[in-house]
Amino acid sequence: MRGKRYSIECMQTVTGVTKGDKAYQYVFNLSGGRQLSVVYMQNVGDANNLQTVEQAIQTIILKQ
């Protein structure tokens, strides 16, 4: 499966998010015009687990 990774970093603190929080979205195009979207949130104080998340995403198997 091939997909695209999008990311955003929060630039200010508002309800529910803190400045520096990051969101990553992985979008995969599937057969029949469908999509699979995986979202990973990383709070500003959390360890960077992006590599672990990407390893986990690579293990996803879709049954058609």
Protein backbone atom coordinates (compact mmCIF):
# COMPACT_ATOMS: atom_id res chain seq x y z
CA MET A 1 0.00 0.00 0.00
CA ARG A 2 1.28 3.44 -0.84
CA GLY A 3 0.02 6.58 0.75
CA LYS A 4 0.81 10.15 1.64
CA ARG A 5 1.69 11.62 5.03
CA TYR A 6 0.41 15.03 5.99
CA SER A 7 1.40 16.87 9.15
CA ILE A 8 0.43 19.99 11.03
CA GLU A 9 1.92 21.65 14.09
CA CYS A 10 -0.35 23.74 16.29
CA MET A 11 0.86 27.32 16.44
CA GLN A 12 -1.23 28.42 19.41
CA THR A 13 -3.01 26.96 22.42
CA VAL A 14 -6.79 26.65 22.04
CA THR A 15 -9.37 24.32 23.56
CA GLY A 16 -8.17 20.73 23.14
CA VAL A 17 -4.69 21.44 21.77
CA THR A 18 -1.48 23.02 23.03
CA LYS A 19 1.01 25.05 21.03
CA GLY A 20 3.54 22.56 19.63
CA ASP A 21 1.15 19.58 19.45
CA LYS A 22 1.49 17.72 16.14
CA ALA A 23 -0.99 15.75 14.09
CA TYR A 24 0.01 13.32 11.36
CA GLN A 25 -2.47 11.92 8.86
CA TYR A 26 -1.69 9.05 6.55
CA VAL A 27 -4.03 8.68 3.55
CA PHE A 28 -4.08 5.54 1.44
CA ASN A 29 -6.07 5.20 -1.79
CA LEU A 30 -7.79 1.85 -2.04
CA SER A 31 -9.58 0.07 -4.85
CA GLY A 32 -13.03 1.26 -5.79
CA GLY A 33 -12.26 4.88 -4.97
CA ARG A 34 -12.13 4.19 -1.22
CA GLN A 35 -9.59 5.64 1.19
CA LEU A 36 -8.01 4.58 4.48
CA SER A 37 -6.99 7.39 6.81
CA VAL A 38 -4.80 6.90 9.92
CA VAL A 39 -4.30 9.83 12.30
CA TYR A 40 -1.56 10.05 14.95
CA MET A 41 -1.55 12.83 17.53
CA GLN A 42 1.66 13.77 19.33
CA ASN A 43 1.28 16.11 22.28
CA VAL A 44 4.04 18.66 22.79
CA GLY A 45 5.29 16.92 25.96
CA ASP A 46 5.22 13.39 24.51
CA ALA A 47 8.19 11.46 23.18
CA ASN A 48 8.50 11.38 19.40
CA ASN A 49 7.09 7.95 18.46
CA LEU A 50 6.65 8.69 14.77
CA GLN A 51 9.05 5.94 13.68
CA THR A 52 7.15 3.36 15.77
CA VAL A 53 3.83 4.56 14.36
CA GLU A 54 5.12 4.25 10.80
CA GLN A 55 6.40 0.73 11.48
CA ALA A 56 2.95 -0.20 12.80
CA ILE A 57 1.22 1.28 9.74
CA GLN A 58 3.42 -0.86 7.48
CA THR A 59 1.94 -3.98 9.11
CA ILE A 60 -1.66 -3.13 8.15
CA ILE A 61 -3.20 -5.81 5.95
CA LEU A 62 -6.50 -5.06 4.26
CA LYS A 63 -8.84 -7.90 3.37
CA GLN A 64 -10.89 -7.02 0.32
